[in-house]
C-alpha atoms as a PDB file:
ATOM      1  CA  MET A   1    -231.950-177.381  14.138  1.00  0.00           C
ATOM      2  CA  GLU A   2    -230.862-174.084  15.043  1.00  0.00           C
ATOM      3  CA  ALA A   3    -231.043-172.519  11.426  1.00  0.00           C
ATOM      4  CA  VAL A   4    -234.774-173.433  11.604  1.00  0.00           C
ATOM      5  CA  ARG A   5    -235.949-172.190  14.683  1.00  0.00           C
ATOM      6  CA  LEU A   6    -234.079-168.556  13.911  1.00  0.00           C
ATOM      7  CA  LEU A   7    -235.824-168.423  10.447  1.00  0.00           C
ATOM      8  CA  SER A   8    -238.845-169.465  11.790  1.00  0.00           C
ATOM      9  CA  SER A   9    -238.967-166.808  14.492  1.00  0.00           C
ATOM     10  CA  GLY A  10    -238.540-164.062  11.660  1.00  0.00           C
ATOM     11  CA  GLU A  11    -234.568-164.217  11.629  1.00  0.00           C
ATOM     12  CA  PRO A  12    -232.233-163.847   9.138  1.00  0.00           C
ATOM     13  CA  VAL A  13    -229.789-167.021   8.729  1.00  0.00           C
ATOM     14  CA  ALA A  14    -226.795-167.180   6.410  1.00  0.00           C
ATOM     15  CA  LEU A  15    -226.831-170.280   4.633  1.00  0.00           C
ATOM     16  CA  PRO A  16    -224.664-171.551   1.913  1.00  0.00           C
ATOM     17  CA  THR A  17    -225.820-172.572  -1.465  1.00  0.00           C
ATOM     18  CA  GLU A  18    -223.775-173.958  -4.761  1.00  0.00           C
ATOM     19  CA  THR A  19    -223.542-170.530  -6.383  1.00  0.00           C
ATOM     20  CA  VAL A  20    -222.603-168.242  -3.011  1.00  0.00           C
ATOM     21  CA  TYR A  21    -223.534-167.671   0.916  1.00  0.00           C
ATOM     22  CA  GLY A  22    -227.030-166.554   0.918  1.00  0.00           C
ATOM     23  CA  LEU A  23    -228.956-164.611   3.699  1.00  0.00           C
ATOM     24  CA  ALA A  24    -232.195-166.626   4.008  1.00  0.00           C
ATOM     25  CA  ALA A  25    -235.412-165.819   5.736  1.00  0.00           C
ATOM     26  CA  ALA A  26    -238.608-166.470   5.076  1.00  0.00           C
ATOM     27  CA  ALA A  27    -239.957-165.135   1.906  1.00  0.00           C
ATOM     28  CA  LEU A  28    -243.692-165.213   2.794  1.00  0.00           C
ATOM     29  CA  ASP A  29    -243.351-162.905   5.966  1.00  0.00           C
ATOM     30  CA  PRO A  30    -242.359-159.226   5.539  1.00  0.00           C
ATOM     31  CA  THR A  31    -240.981-158.339   8.548  1.00  0.00           C
ATOM     32  CA  ALA A  32    -238.137-160.870   8.193  1.00  0.00           C
ATOM     33  CA  CYS A  33    -237.407-159.874   4.871  1.00  0.00           C
ATOM     34  CA  ALA A  34    -237.351-156.554   5.981  1.00  0.00           C
ATOM     35  CA  ARG A  35    -234.544-158.153   8.213  1.00  0.00           C
ATOM     36  CA  ILE A  36    -232.192-159.079   4.928  1.00  0.00           C
ATOM     37  CA  PHE A  37    -231.930-155.291   3.673  1.00  0.00           C
ATOM     38  CA  GLU A  38    -231.286-153.895   6.908  1.00  0.00           C
ATOM     39  CA  ALA A  39    -228.600-156.195   7.537  1.00  0.00           C
ATOM     40  CA  LYS A  40    -227.017-155.761   4.237  1.00  0.00           C
ATOM     41  CA  GLU A  41    -228.149-152.080   4.057  1.00  0.00           C
ATOM     42  CA  ARG A  42    -229.896-153.335   1.223  1.00  0.00           C
ATOM     43  CA  PRO A  43    -232.002-150.862  -1.031  1.00  0.00           C
ATOM     44  CA  PHE A  44    -235.524-151.816  -1.096  1.00  0.00           C
ATOM     45  CA  ASN A  45    -235.725-151.069  -4.952  1.00  0.00           C
ATOM     46  CA  ASP A  46    -233.492-154.021  -5.378  1.00  0.00           C
ATOM     47  CA  PRO A  47    -235.437-157.476  -5.474  1.00  0.00           C
ATOM     48  CA  LEU A  48    -234.633-160.761  -3.265  1.00  0.00           C
ATOM     49  CA  ILE A  49    -235.141-164.013  -4.853  1.00  0.00           C
ATOM     50  CA  VAL A  50    -236.758-166.723  -3.821  1.00  0.00           C
ATOM     51  CA  HIS A  51    -235.318-169.914  -3.064  1.00  0.00           C
ATOM     52  CA  LEU A  52    -238.287-173.028  -3.192  1.00  0.00           C
ATOM     53  CA  PRO A  53    -238.451-176.264  -1.283  1.00  0.00           C
ATOM     54  CA  ALA A  54    -239.778-178.403  -4.046  1.00  0.00           C
ATOM     55  CA  SER A  55    -240.694-177.723  -7.497  1.00  0.00           C
ATOM     56  CA  GLY A  56    -244.428-177.529  -6.624  1.00  0.00           C
ATOM     57  CA  TRP A  57    -244.110-174.383  -5.016  1.00  0.00           C
ATOM     58  CA  LEU A  58    -243.758-172.955  -8.524  1.00  0.00           C
ATOM     59  CA  ASP A  59    -247.684-172.785  -9.155  1.00  0.00           C
ATOM     60  CA  GLU A  60    -248.199-171.684  -5.629  1.00  0.00           C
ATOM     61  CA  LEU A  61    -245.830-168.187  -6.032  1.00  0.00           C
ATOM     62  CA  CYS A  62    -246.135-167.452 -10.092  1.00  0.00           C
ATOM     63  CA  GLU A  63    -248.332-167.928 -12.971  1.00  0.00           C
ATOM     64  CA  SER A  64    -246.391-170.499 -14.308  1.00  0.00           C
ATOM     65  CA  SER A  65    -246.199-171.559 -18.401  1.00  0.00           C
ATOM     66  CA  PRO A  66    -245.186-174.383 -20.164  1.00  0.00           C
ATOM     67  CA  LEU A  67    -241.541-173.129 -21.037  1.00  0.00           C
ATOM     68  CA  ALA A  68    -241.127-172.218 -17.196  1.00  0.00           C
ATOM     69  CA  TRP A  69    -242.059-175.731 -16.677  1.00  0.00           C
ATOM     70  CA  ARG A  70    -239.548-177.409 -19.052  1.00  0.00           C
ATOM     71  CA  LEU A  71    -236.610-175.447 -17.268  1.00  0.00           C
ATOM     72  CA  ALA A  72    -237.625-176.218 -13.958  1.00  0.00           C
ATOM     73  CA  GLU A  73    -237.656-180.006 -14.484  1.00  0.00           C
ATOM     74  CA  THR A  74    -233.822-179.525 -16.637  1.00  0.00           C
ATOM     75  CA  PHE A  75    -231.874-177.130 -14.349  1.00  0.00           C
ATOM     76  CA  TRP A  76    -233.696-177.629 -10.850  1.00  0.00           C
ATOM     77  CA  PRO A  77    -232.132-177.833  -8.205  1.00  0.00           C
ATOM     78  CA  GLY A  78    -229.630-175.510  -9.674  1.00  0.00           C
ATOM     79  CA  PRO A  79    -228.474-172.298 -10.440  1.00  0.00           C
ATOM     80  CA  LEU A  80    -230.928-171.271 -12.667  1.00  0.00           C
ATOM     81  CA  THR A  81    -233.369-168.256 -11.626  1.00  0.00           C
ATOM     82  CA  LEU A  82    -236.559-167.437 -13.415  1.00  0.00           C
ATOM     83  CA  VAL A  83    -238.648-164.188 -13.149  1.00  0.00           C
ATOM     84  CA  LEU A  84    -242.031-164.853 -13.900  1.00  0.00           C
ATOM     85  CA  PRO A  85    -245.293-163.280 -13.149  1.00  0.00           C
ATOM     86  CA  ARG A  86    -246.353-163.337  -9.619  1.00  0.00           C
ATOM     87  CA  ARG A  87    -249.420-164.349  -7.237  1.00  0.00           C
ATOM     88  CA  GLU A  88    -250.871-162.353  -4.490  1.00  0.00           C
ATOM     89  CA  VAL A  89    -249.303-164.857  -1.619  1.00  0.00           C
ATOM     90  CA  VAL A  90    -245.270-163.059  -2.755  1.00  0.00           C
ATOM     91  CA  PRO A  91    -245.223-159.201  -0.160  1.00  0.00           C
ATOM     92  CA  ASN A  92    -244.034-156.323  -2.211  1.00  0.00           C
ATOM     93  CA  ILE A  93    -241.056-156.270  -0.467  1.00  0.00           C
ATOM     94  CA  VAL A  94    -239.854-159.226  -2.227  1.00  0.00           C
ATOM     95  CA  THR A  95    -240.576-158.329  -5.723  1.00  0.00           C
ATOM     96  CA  ALA A  96    -240.225-154.037  -5.263  1.00  0.00           C
ATOM     97  CA  HIS A  97    -243.581-153.646  -5.593  1.00  0.00           C
ATOM     98  CA  GLN A  98    -243.054-155.312  -9.066  1.00  0.00           C
ATOM     99  CA  ASN A  99    -245.423-157.583 -10.772  1.00  0.00           C
ATOM    100  CA  THR A 100    -243.389-160.507 -11.044  1.00  0.00           C
ATOM    101  CA  VAL A 101    -240.904-162.283  -8.324  1.00  0.00           C
ATOM    102  CA  ALA A 102    -237.620-164.349  -8.922  1.00  0.00           C
ATOM    103  CA  VAL A 103    -237.279-167.982  -8.096  1.00  0.00           C
ATOM    104  CA  ARG A 104    -235.003-170.673  -7.935  1.00  0.00           C
ATOM    105  CA  MET A 105    -234.330-174.234  -6.381  1.00  0.00           C
ATOM    106  CA  SER A 106    -230.667-174.398  -4.824  1.00  0.00           C
ATOM    107  CA  ALA A 107    -228.648-177.919  -5.207  1.00  0.00           C
ATOM    108  CA  HIS A 108    -226.615-177.072  -1.730  1.00  0.00           C
ATOM    109  CA  PRO A 109    -227.757-180.348   0.247  1.00  0.00           C
ATOM    110  CA  ILE A 110    -227.265-178.563   3.537  1.00  0.00           C
ATOM    111  CA  PHE A 111    -229.667-175.398   2.039  1.00  0.00           C
ATOM    112  CA  GLN A 112    -232.005-178.539   0.780  1.00  0.00           C
ATOM    113  CA  ASN A 113    -232.141-180.232   4.125  1.00  0.00           C
ATOM    114  CA  ILE A 114    -233.030-176.399   6.288  1.00  0.00           C
ATOM    115  CA  ILE A 115    -235.556-175.224   3.930  1.00  0.00           C
ATOM    116  CA  ASP A 116    -237.480-178.538   3.325  1.00  0.00           C
ATOM    117  CA  ALA A 117    -237.581-178.840   7.279  1.00  0.00           C
ATOM    118  CA  PHE A 118    -238.619-174.920   7.528  1.00  0.00           C
ATOM    119  CA  GLY A 119    -241.397-176.207   5.101  1.00  0.00           C
ATOM    120  CA  GLY A 120    -241.466-172.826   3.296  1.00  0.00           C
ATOM    121  CA  PRO A 121    -239.809-170.365   0.534  1.00  0.00           C
ATOM    122  CA  LEU A 122    -237.056-168.513   2.010  1.00  0.00           C
ATOM    123  CA  ALA A 123    -235.998-165.061   0.061  1.00  0.00           C
ATOM    124  CA  ALA A 124    -232.034-165.336   0.101  1.00  0.00           C
ATOM    125  CA  PRO A 125    -229.701-162.519  -1.780  1.00  0.00           C
ATOM    126  CA  SER A 126    -226.442-163.098  -1.415  1.00  0.00           C
ATOM    127  CA  ALA A 127    -224.945-162.673   2.246  1.00  0.00           C
ATOM    128  CA  ASN A 128    -222.813-159.855   2.205  1.00  0.00           C
ATOM    129  CA  ARG A 129    -223.032-155.848   2.467  1.00  0.00           C
ATOM    130  CA  PHE A 130    -224.998-154.398  -0.717  1.00  0.00           C
ATOM    131  CA  GLY A 131    -222.540-153.775  -3.720  1.00  0.00           C
ATOM    132  CA  ARG A 132    -219.894-155.459  -2.539  1.00  0.00           C
ATOM    133  CA  ILE A 133    -217.906-158.686  -3.319  1.00  0.00           C
ATOM    134  CA  SER A 134    -220.280-161.789  -2.879  1.00  0.00           C
ATOM    135  CA  PRO A 135    -219.390-164.465  -0.378  1.00  0.00           C
ATOM    136  CA  THR A 136    -218.178-167.862  -1.312  1.00  0.00           C
ATOM    137  CA  GLN A 137    -216.780-168.827   2.416  1.00  0.00           C
ATOM    138  CA  ALA A 138    -218.279-168.434   5.663  1.00  0.00           C
ATOM    139  CA  SER A 139    -215.212-166.199   6.833  1.00  0.00           C
ATOM    140  CA  HIS A 140    -216.149-163.954   4.128  1.00  0.00           C
ATOM    141  CA  VAL A 141    -219.791-163.676   5.593  1.00  0.00           C
ATOM    142  CA  MET A 142    -218.314-163.241   8.741  1.00  0.00           C
ATOM    143  CA  SER A 143    -216.243-160.146   7.662  1.00  0.00           C
ATOM    144  CA  GLU A 144    -219.278-158.734   5.900  1.00  0.00           C
ATOM    145  CA  LEU A 145    -221.615-159.312   8.087  1.00  0.00           C
ATOM    146  CA  GLY A 146    -220.494-160.351  11.869  1.00  0.00           C
ATOM    147  CA  GLY A 147    -222.616-159.210  14.627  1.00  0.00           C
ATOM    148  CA  ARG A 148    -225.488-158.100  12.543  1.00  0.00           C
ATOM    149  CA  ILE A 149    -227.283-161.524  11.918  1.00  0.00           C
ATOM    150  CA  PRO A 150    -227.596-164.708  14.701  1.00  0.00           C
ATOM    151  CA  LEU A 151    -226.418-167.717  12.828  1.00  0.00           C
ATOM    152  CA  ILE A 152    -224.047-168.003   9.763  1.00  0.00           C
ATOM    153  CA  VAL A 153    -223.896-172.038   8.578  1.00  0.00           C
ATOM    154  CA  ASP A 154    -220.352-172.505   7.248  1.00  0.00           C
ATOM    155  CA  ALA A 155    -220.326-175.309   4.764  1.00  0.00           C
ATOM    156  CA  GLY A 156    -217.075-174.886   2.971  1.00  0.00           C
ATOM    157  CA  PRO A 157    -216.466-173.311  -0.351  1.00  0.00           C
ATOM    158  CA  CYS A 158    -219.350-173.296  -2.691  1.00  0.00           C
ATOM    159  CA  LEU A 159    -218.994-175.049  -6.148  1.00  0.00           C
ATOM    160  CA  HIS A 160    -219.689-172.119  -8.695  1.00  0.00           C
ATOM    161  CA  GLY A 161    -218.777-169.203  -6.976  1.00  0.00           C
ATOM    162  CA  ILE A 162    -220.527-167.080  -8.761  1.00  0.00           C
ATOM    163  CA  GLU A 163    -224.588-166.100  -8.653  1.00  0.00           C
ATOM    164  CA  SER A 164    -227.523-168.270 -10.625  1.00  0.00           C
ATOM    165  CA  THR A 165    -228.536-167.384 -14.233  1.00  0.00           C
ATOM    166  CA  ILE A 166    -231.594-165.162 -14.164  1.00  0.00           C
ATOM    167  CA  VAL A 167    -233.996-164.980 -17.304  1.00  0.00           C
ATOM    168  CA  SER A 168    -237.105-164.029 -17.344  1.00  0.00           C
ATOM    169  CA  VAL A 169    -239.676-166.303 -18.927  1.00  0.00           C
ATOM    170  CA  ARG A 170    -241.846-164.525 -21.516  1.00  0.00           C
ATOM    171  CA  SER A 171    -244.527-166.336 -23.247  1.00  0.00           C
ATOM    172  CA  ASN A 172    -242.263-168.288 -25.827  1.00  0.00           C
ATOM    173  CA  ARG A 173    -239.145-166.238 -25.388  1.00  0.00           C
ATOM    174  CA  LEU A 174    -236.290-165.944 -22.887  1.00  0.00           C
ATOM    175  CA  PHE A 175    -234.653-162.655 -22.088  1.00  0.00           C
ATOM    176  CA  LEU A 176    -231.413-162.875 -20.396  1.00  0.00           C
ATOM    177  CA  CYS A 177    -231.255-160.518 -17.609  1.00  0.00           C
ATOM    178  CA  ARG A 178    -227.601-162.028 -15.552  1.00  0.00           C
ATOM    179  CA  GLN A 179    -225.285-164.121 -16.934  1.00  0.00           C
ATOM    180  CA  GLY A 180    -224.469-166.966 -15.085  1.00  0.00           C
ATOM    181  CA  PRO A 181    -223.361-170.992 -14.176  1.00  0.00           C
ATOM    182  CA  VAL A 182    -226.495-172.016 -17.218  1.00  0.00           C
ATOM    183  CA  THR A 183    -225.038-170.517 -20.345  1.00  0.00           C
ATOM    184  CA  ARG A 184    -226.684-168.813 -22.904  1.00  0.00           C
ATOM    185  CA  GLU A 185    -226.599-171.492 -25.305  1.00  0.00           C
ATOM    186  CA  GLN A 186    -227.828-174.012 -23.076  1.00  0.00           C
ATOM    187  CA  LEU A 187    -230.896-171.841 -22.683  1.00  0.00           C
ATOM    188  CA  GLU A 188    -230.965-171.760 -26.596  1.00  0.00           C
ATOM    189  CA  ARG A 189    -232.117-175.328 -26.560  1.00  0.00           C
ATOM    190  CA  PHE A 190    -235.305-174.208 -25.384  1.00  0.00           C
ATOM    191  CA  ALA A 191    -236.719-170.700 -26.470  1.00  0.00           C
ATOM    192  CA  PRO A 192    -234.718-167.779 -28.472  1.00  0.00           C
ATOM    193  CA  VAL A 193    -232.960-165.511 -26.032  1.00  0.00           C
ATOM    194  CA  THR A 194    -232.780-162.119 -25.709  1.00  0.00           C
ATOM    195  CA  GLU A 195    -230.544-159.641 -23.822  1.00  0.00           C
ATOM    196  CA  ARG A 196    -232.879-157.742 -21.393  1.00  0.00           C
ATOM    197  CA  ARG A 197    -230.630-155.266 -19.155  1.00  0.00           C
ATOM    198  CA  GLU A 198    -233.090-153.036 -18.632  1.00  0.00           C
ATOM    199  CA  GLU A 199    -235.267-155.141 -16.140  1.00  0.00           C
ATOM    200  CA  ARG A 200    -234.570-154.739 -12.345  1.00  0.00           C
ATOM    201  CA  THR A 201    -234.181-158.320 -11.387  1.00  0.00           C
ATOM    202  CA  PRO A 202    -231.879-159.330  -8.337  1.00  0.00           C
ATOM    203  CA  GLY A 203    -227.990-158.174  -9.599  1.00  0.00           C
ATOM    204  CA  SER A 204    -229.290-155.982 -12.431  1.00  0.00           C
ATOM    205  CA  LEU A 205    -227.665-152.484 -10.636  1.00  0.00           C
ATOM    206  CA  PRO A 206    -224.824-151.146 -12.689  1.00  0.00           C
ATOM    207  CA  THR A 207    -222.493-151.285 -10.209  1.00  0.00           C
ATOM    208  CA  HIS A 208    -222.597-154.448  -7.666  1.00  0.00           C
ATOM    209  CA  TYR A 209    -219.627-156.783  -6.765  1.00  0.00           C
ATOM    210  CA  ALA A 210    -217.369-154.231  -6.386  1.00  0.00           C
ATOM    211  CA  PRO A 211    -213.976-154.356  -3.849  1.00  0.00           C
ATOM    212  CA  ARG A 212    -213.344-151.414  -1.678  1.00  0.00           C
ATOM    213  CA  THR A 213    -210.361-150.535  -3.319  1.00  0.00           C
ATOM    214  CA  PRO A 214    -210.289-148.938  -6.534  1.00  0.00           C
ATOM    215  CA  CYS A 215    -210.939-151.207  -9.511  1.00  0.00           C
ATOM    216  CA  GLU A 216    -210.359-151.137 -13.076  1.00  0.00           C
ATOM    217  CA  PHE A 217    -209.547-153.177 -16.466  1.00  0.00           C
ATOM    218  CA  TRP A 218    -206.293-153.365 -16.836  1.00  0.00           C
ATOM    219  CA  LYS A 219    -204.573-152.393 -20.384  1.00  0.00           C
ATOM    220  CA  GLY A 220    -201.311-154.374 -19.987  1.00  0.00           C
ATOM    221  CA  ASP A 221    -199.190-151.338 -19.156  1.00  0.00           C
ATOM    222  CA  PRO A 222    -196.623-151.485 -16.073  1.00  0.00           C
ATOM    223  CA  PRO A 223    -198.682-150.929 -12.529  1.00  0.00           C
ATOM    224  CA  PRO A 224    -198.586-147.115 -11.718  1.00  0.00           C
ATOM    225  CA  ALA A 225    -195.002-145.703  -9.997  1.00  0.00           C
ATOM    226  CA  GLY A 226    -195.515-144.793  -6.530  1.00  0.00           C
ATOM    227  CA  LEU A 227    -198.746-147.332  -5.622  1.00  0.00           C
ATOM    228  CA  SER A 228    -199.303-150.641  -4.448  1.00  0.00           C
ATOM    229  CA  VAL A 229    -200.741-152.200  -7.250  1.00  0.00           C
ATOM    230  CA  GLY A 230    -202.614-155.665  -7.452  1.00  0.00           C
ATOM    231  CA  LEU A 231    -203.619-157.900 -10.614  1.00  0.00           C
ATOM    232  CA  LEU A 232    -206.494-160.192 -11.089  1.00  0.00           C
ATOM    233  CA  ALA A 233    -204.407-162.218 -14.044  1.00  0.00           C
ATOM    234  CA  TRP A 234    -206.166-164.727 -16.370  1.00  0.00           C
ATOM    235  CA  ASN A 235    -203.424-165.637 -18.515  1.00  0.00           C
ATOM    236  CA  THR A 236    -200.314-163.035 -17.654  1.00  0.00           C
ATOM    237  CA  ARG A 237    -197.447-163.478 -15.378  1.00  0.00           C
ATOM    238  CA  GLY A 238    -197.704-160.226 -13.658  1.00  0.00           C
ATOM    239  CA  LYS A 239    -194.482-158.308 -12.795  1.00  0.00           C
ATOM    240  CA  GLY A 240    -193.852-155.640 -10.890  1.00  0.00           C
ATOM    241  CA  PHE A 241    -197.398-155.683  -9.310  1.00  0.00           C
ATOM    242  CA  ALA A 242    -197.408-155.523  -4.995  1.00  0.00           C
ATOM    243  CA  GLN A 243    -199.567-158.894  -5.481  1.00  0.00           C
ATOM    244  CA  VAL A 244    -201.402-161.096  -8.151  1.00  0.00           C
ATOM    245  CA  GLU A 245    -204.054-163.608  -7.399  1.00  0.00           C
ATOM    246  CA  TYR A 246    -204.648-165.914 -10.255  1.00  0.00           C
ATOM    247  CA  LEU A 247    -207.914-166.960 -11.208  1.00  0.00           C
ATOM    248  CA  SER A 248    -207.084-170.611 -13.651  1.00  0.00           C
ATOM    249  CA  ASP A 249    -203.451-172.050 -14.128  1.00  0.00           C
ATOM    250  CA  LYS A 250    -205.359-174.142 -16.541  1.00  0.00           C
ATOM    251  CA  GLN A 251    -206.983-171.034 -17.789  1.00  0.00           C
ATOM    252  CA  ASP A 252    -210.297-173.259 -16.871  1.00  0.00           C
ATOM    253  CA  LEU A 253    -213.248-171.121 -16.905  1.00  0.00           C
ATOM    254  CA  ARG A 254    -214.958-173.059 -14.150  1.00  0.00           C
ATOM    255  CA  GLU A 255    -212.317-172.766 -12.247  1.00  0.00           C
ATOM    256  CA  ALA A 256    -211.730-168.729 -12.786  1.00  0.00           C
ATOM    257  CA  ALA A 257    -215.607-168.715 -11.834  1.00  0.00           C
ATOM    258  CA  ALA A 258    -215.345-170.717  -8.481  1.00  0.00           C
ATOM    259  CA  HIS A 259    -212.038-168.721  -7.376  1.00  0.00           C
ATOM    260  CA  LEU A 260    -213.071-164.966  -8.474  1.00  0.00           C
ATOM    261  CA  TYR A 261    -214.140-163.488  -5.376  1.00  0.00           C
ATOM    262  CA  THR A 262    -211.842-165.104  -3.098  1.00  0.00           C
ATOM    263  CA  ALA A 263    -209.224-163.724  -5.095  1.00  0.00           C
ATOM    264  CA  LEU A 264    -210.915-160.214  -5.627  1.00  0.00           C
ATOM    265  CA  ARG A 265    -211.305-160.468  -1.482  1.00  0.00           C
ATOM    266  CA  ARG A 266    -207.547-161.478  -1.234  1.00  0.00           C
ATOM    267  CA  LEU A 267    -206.812-158.287  -3.331  1.00  0.00           C
ATOM    268  CA  ASP A 268    -209.475-156.027  -1.765  1.00  0.00           C
ATOM    269  CA  GLU A 269    -207.905-157.028   1.792  1.00  0.00           C
ATOM    270  CA  ALA A 270    -204.225-156.411   0.808  1.00  0.00           C
ATOM    271  CA  GLY A 271    -204.077-152.542   1.639  1.00  0.00           C
ATOM    272  CA  LEU A 272    -203.505-151.630  -1.788  1.00  0.00           C
ATOM    273  CA  ASP A 273    -203.981-148.635  -3.618  1.00  0.00           C
ATOM    274  CA  LEU A 274    -205.443-149.883  -6.952  1.00  0.00           C
ATOM    275  CA  ILE A 275    -206.725-153.364  -8.525  1.00  0.00           C
ATOM    276  CA  LEU A 276    -206.186-153.887 -12.320  1.00  0.00           C
ATOM    277  CA  VAL A 277    -207.871-156.829 -13.751  1.00  0.00           C
ATOM    278  CA  GLU A 278    -207.330-158.619 -16.677  1.00  0.00           C
ATOM    279  CA  ARG A 279    -209.801-159.659 -19.113  1.00  0.00           C
ATOM    280  CA  ILE A 280    -211.416-162.797 -19.964  1.00  0.00           C
ATOM    281  CA  PRO A 281    -211.950-164.306 -23.067  1.00  0.00           C
ATOM    282  CA  GLU A 282    -216.195-163.953 -23.618  1.00  0.00           C
ATOM    283  CA  VAL A 283    -216.934-167.437 -24.281  1.00  0.00           C
ATOM    284  CA  ASP A 284    -218.885-169.943 -22.748  1.00  0.00           C
ATOM    285  CA  LEU A 285    -218.915-169.134 -18.482  1.00  0.00           C
ATOM    286  CA  GLY A 286    -216.460-166.303 -19.777  1.00  0.00           C
ATOM    287  CA  VAL A 287    -219.267-164.048 -20.585  1.00  0.00           C
ATOM    288  CA  ALA A 288    -220.845-164.347 -17.116  1.00  0.00           C
ATOM    289  CA  ILE A 289    -217.270-163.999 -15.487  1.00  0.00           C
ATOM    290  CA  MET A 290    -216.731-160.653 -17.280  1.00  0.00           C
ATOM    291  CA  GLU A 291    -220.541-159.531 -16.399  1.00  0.00           C
ATOM    292  CA  ARG A 292    -219.136-159.550 -12.733  1.00  0.00           C
ATOM    293  CA  LEU A 293    -216.105-157.807 -13.730  1.00  0.00           C
ATOM    294  CA  VAL A 294    -217.605-155.531 -15.783  1.00  0.00           C
ATOM    295  CA  LYS A 295    -219.829-154.471 -12.339  1.00  0.00           C
ATOM    296  CA  ALA A 296    -217.132-154.719 -10.266  1.00  0.00           C
ATOM    297  CA  THR A 297    -215.033-152.055 -11.922  1.00  0.00           C
ATOM    298  CA  GLY A 298    -217.907-149.886 -12.585  1.00  0.00           C
ATOM    299  CA  SER A 299    -217.093-150.168 -16.288  1.00  0.00           C
ATOM    300  CA  SER A 300    -219.676-149.340 -19.074  1.00  0.00           C
ATOM    301  CA  GLN A 301    -220.623-152.580 -20.969  1.00  0.00           C
ATOM    302  CA  GLN A 302    -219.181-149.963 -24.058  1.00  0.00           C
ATOM    303  CA  SER A 303    -215.794-150.170 -22.686  1.00  0.00           C
ATOM    304  CA  LEU A 304    -215.639-153.895 -23.719  1.00  0.00           C
END
């Protein structure tokens, strides 16, 4: 298997997950992980998520807890990342020299087959240039990293379309670091959940998931005259826009999440002067979608 051969030789490979495509490399090899940062132009102060071949690796890489194990047994494999105290085996480059590491298990069958054959953990942030729109199809990876990495494994569109939920596990409390497919309401069944935005975890920088085209929230006004303006729409039939991308004709939040990055990327590649974004209801998965849109527009949380 070419992907396993490359990973074993320290090369990065783009792999599908159930959330977005990831750029994978051997997590316990600092040189291999450095190639992820190089290909993505990612700053070294932004830690990586480590994907585990099996839940038994949790205690190998982390100081786990009964709460962490309950979450792993319920949501793994799946789109939940746990932030836990690290063990010394985890390289500093993976954790940005912090004393914690972010870990999860992917539910994607192709990712599972490759990591099982590789036989060890893989660091795998999203397979795009740093700060840009995350890839949910292999063609997106090619447009971002073509010529920079030796292999892209194409498995079609990703199921969820947004990145995993990230929670920091502290004794009997959870700190929500990034919203995602596993919702706050689901996590609250296990322990009290507190927002913790100051924690430095993957994807926690204030501007992220961003198009190159200027992007801002739409206030409902007609598009500015003299500009080519696109609209990322939720429930408005946009008029007067050069291009409109609808997240879900049925106003279905799961469908909207799955279409989010593809729609945003189409607008970004349309040669527009400005992208306007319609707000999403902040309920259930809508909270995670809005979190991405806030970062895509460079808005502050206070502007919501």
